[in-house]
Every structure is written in structure tokens, then in C-alpha cells.
Amino acid sequence: MTLKARAREKVERAGISNYSFDHDVLVMCGVRYTIAACNCGEADCDGVRLEKDAAAMGRILQ
């Protein structure tokens, strides 16, 4: 399963239906999140980590 598919599954499991993807960037409520692999090793980890896209935040502040 790709990271994008895992992110989609994670978002839908959380009950969020208002989201989209811009290439490999997840967009929820106007906030952009980069998708990265998670290697934390926790038993309940789904293997995907979402991080706010700092580059997009910088453009908003300008």
C-alpha cells in the first residue's frame, strides 16, 4: 500500500470527508500536509505521518 493510500485510509478512519490531494500533499480544511513514512515502531502505528507543509505556511505569511 502506498503512503498516499495509507494517508487516505487514516483520514477516512478519523471520519474526515472534506479532504483532497494535490499530487502527494494532503489538503484538509485549507491546510496542506506532507505525507511521510513513520518508523516509530509503536504497535498501533499505521506507518504514515502527516506534517504541516512548512513551505505553504511561509507563502501564506508573506
C-alpha atoms as a PDB file:
ATOM      1  CA  MET A   1       0.000   0.000   0.000  1.00  0.00           C
ATOM      2  CA  THR A   2       1.377   3.426  -0.927  1.00  0.00           C
ATOM      3  CA  LEU A   3       1.817   6.246   1.581  1.00  0.00           C
ATOM      4  CA  LYS A   4      -0.932   8.194  -0.194  1.00  0.00           C
ATOM      5  CA  ALA A   5      -3.341   5.255   0.198  1.00  0.00           C
ATOM      6  CA  ARG A   6      -2.397   4.899   3.869  1.00  0.00           C
ATOM      7  CA  ALA A   7      -2.979   8.630   4.414  1.00  0.00           C
ATOM      8  CA  ARG A   8      -6.384   8.387   2.708  1.00  0.00           C
ATOM      9  CA  GLU A   9      -7.287   5.446   4.956  1.00  0.00           C
ATOM     10  CA  LYS A  10      -6.103   7.322   8.074  1.00  0.00           C
ATOM     11  CA  VAL A  11      -8.186  10.402   7.215  1.00  0.00           C
ATOM     12  CA  GLU A  12     -11.305   8.383   6.420  1.00  0.00           C
ATOM     13  CA  ARG A  13     -10.895   6.331   9.611  1.00  0.00           C
ATOM     14  CA  ALA A  14     -10.917   9.632  11.514  1.00  0.00           C
ATOM     15  CA  GLY A  15     -14.290  10.441   9.922  1.00  0.00           C
ATOM     16  CA  ILE A  16     -12.991  13.314   7.782  1.00  0.00           C
ATOM     17  CA  SER A  17     -14.648  13.560   4.385  1.00  0.00           C
ATOM     18  CA  ASN A  18     -13.612  17.072   3.334  1.00  0.00           C
ATOM     19  CA  TYR A  19     -10.100  16.438   2.018  1.00  0.00           C
ATOM     20  CA  SER A  20      -8.233  16.232  -1.266  1.00  0.00           C
ATOM     21  CA  PHE A  21      -4.782  15.542  -2.615  1.00  0.00           C
ATOM     22  CA  ASP A  22      -2.609  17.954  -4.570  1.00  0.00           C
ATOM     23  CA  HIS A  23      -0.137  15.472  -6.038  1.00  0.00           C
ATOM     24  CA  ASP A  24       1.265  13.852  -2.870  1.00  0.00           C
ATOM     25  CA  VAL A  25       0.195  16.620  -0.485  1.00  0.00           C
ATOM     26  CA  LEU A  26      -2.936  16.108   1.616  1.00  0.00           C
ATOM     27  CA  VAL A  27      -5.206  19.154   1.895  1.00  0.00           C
ATOM     28  CA  MET A  28      -7.722  19.289   4.759  1.00  0.00           C
ATOM     29  CA  CYS A  29      -9.677  22.461   5.574  1.00  0.00           C
ATOM     30  CA  GLY A  30      -7.206  24.527   3.563  1.00  0.00           C
ATOM     31  CA  VAL A  31      -4.197  23.197   5.492  1.00  0.00           C
ATOM     32  CA  ARG A  32      -1.576  21.301   3.494  1.00  0.00           C
ATOM     33  CA  TYR A  33       0.142  18.247   4.978  1.00  0.00           C
ATOM     34  CA  THR A  34       3.120  16.382   3.606  1.00  0.00           C
ATOM     35  CA  ILE A  35       2.910  12.621   3.832  1.00  0.00           C
ATOM     36  CA  ALA A  36       5.903  10.777   5.269  1.00  0.00           C
ATOM     37  CA  ALA A  37       6.667   7.251   6.391  1.00  0.00           C
ATOM     38  CA  CYS A  38       6.584   6.731  10.148  1.00  0.00           C
ATOM     39  CA  ASN A  39       9.117   4.385  11.673  1.00  0.00           C
ATOM     40  CA  CYS A  40       8.234   4.906  15.338  1.00  0.00           C
ATOM     41  CA  GLY A  41       7.773   1.194  15.976  1.00  0.00           C
ATOM     42  CA  GLU A  42       4.605   1.617  18.078  1.00  0.00           C
ATOM     43  CA  ALA A  43       2.282  -1.386  17.884  1.00  0.00           C
ATOM     44  CA  ASP A  44      -0.732   0.684  16.797  1.00  0.00           C
ATOM     45  CA  CYS A  45       1.155   2.850  14.264  1.00  0.00           C
ATOM     46  CA  ASP A  46      -0.288   2.811  10.747  1.00  0.00           C
ATOM     47  CA  GLY A  47       3.067   3.663   9.153  1.00  0.00           C
ATOM     48  CA  VAL A  48       2.181   7.151   7.934  1.00  0.00           C
ATOM     49  CA  ARG A  49       2.940  10.553   9.446  1.00  0.00           C
ATOM     50  CA  LEU A  50       1.259  13.826   8.436  1.00  0.00           C
ATOM     51  CA  GLU A  51       3.216  17.044   8.865  1.00  0.00           C
ATOM     52  CA  LYS A  52       2.024  20.567   8.151  1.00  0.00           C
ATOM     53  CA  ASP A  53       3.640  21.755   4.933  1.00  0.00           C
ATOM     54  CA  ALA A  54       6.051  24.480   6.118  1.00  0.00           C
ATOM     55  CA  ALA A  55       6.592  25.789   2.573  1.00  0.00           C
ATOM     56  CA  ALA A  56       2.887  26.541   2.208  1.00  0.00           C
ATOM     57  CA  MET A  57       2.810  28.205   5.623  1.00  0.00           C
ATOM     58  CA  GLY A  58       5.640  30.539   4.550  1.00  0.00           C
ATOM     59  CA  ARG A  59       3.722  31.613   1.424  1.00  0.00           C
ATOM     60  CA  ILE A  60       0.629  32.398   3.492  1.00  0.00           C
ATOM     61  CA  LEU A  61       2.578  34.629   5.872  1.00  0.00           C
ATOM     62  CA  GLN A  62       4.140  36.720   3.107  1.00  0.00           C
END
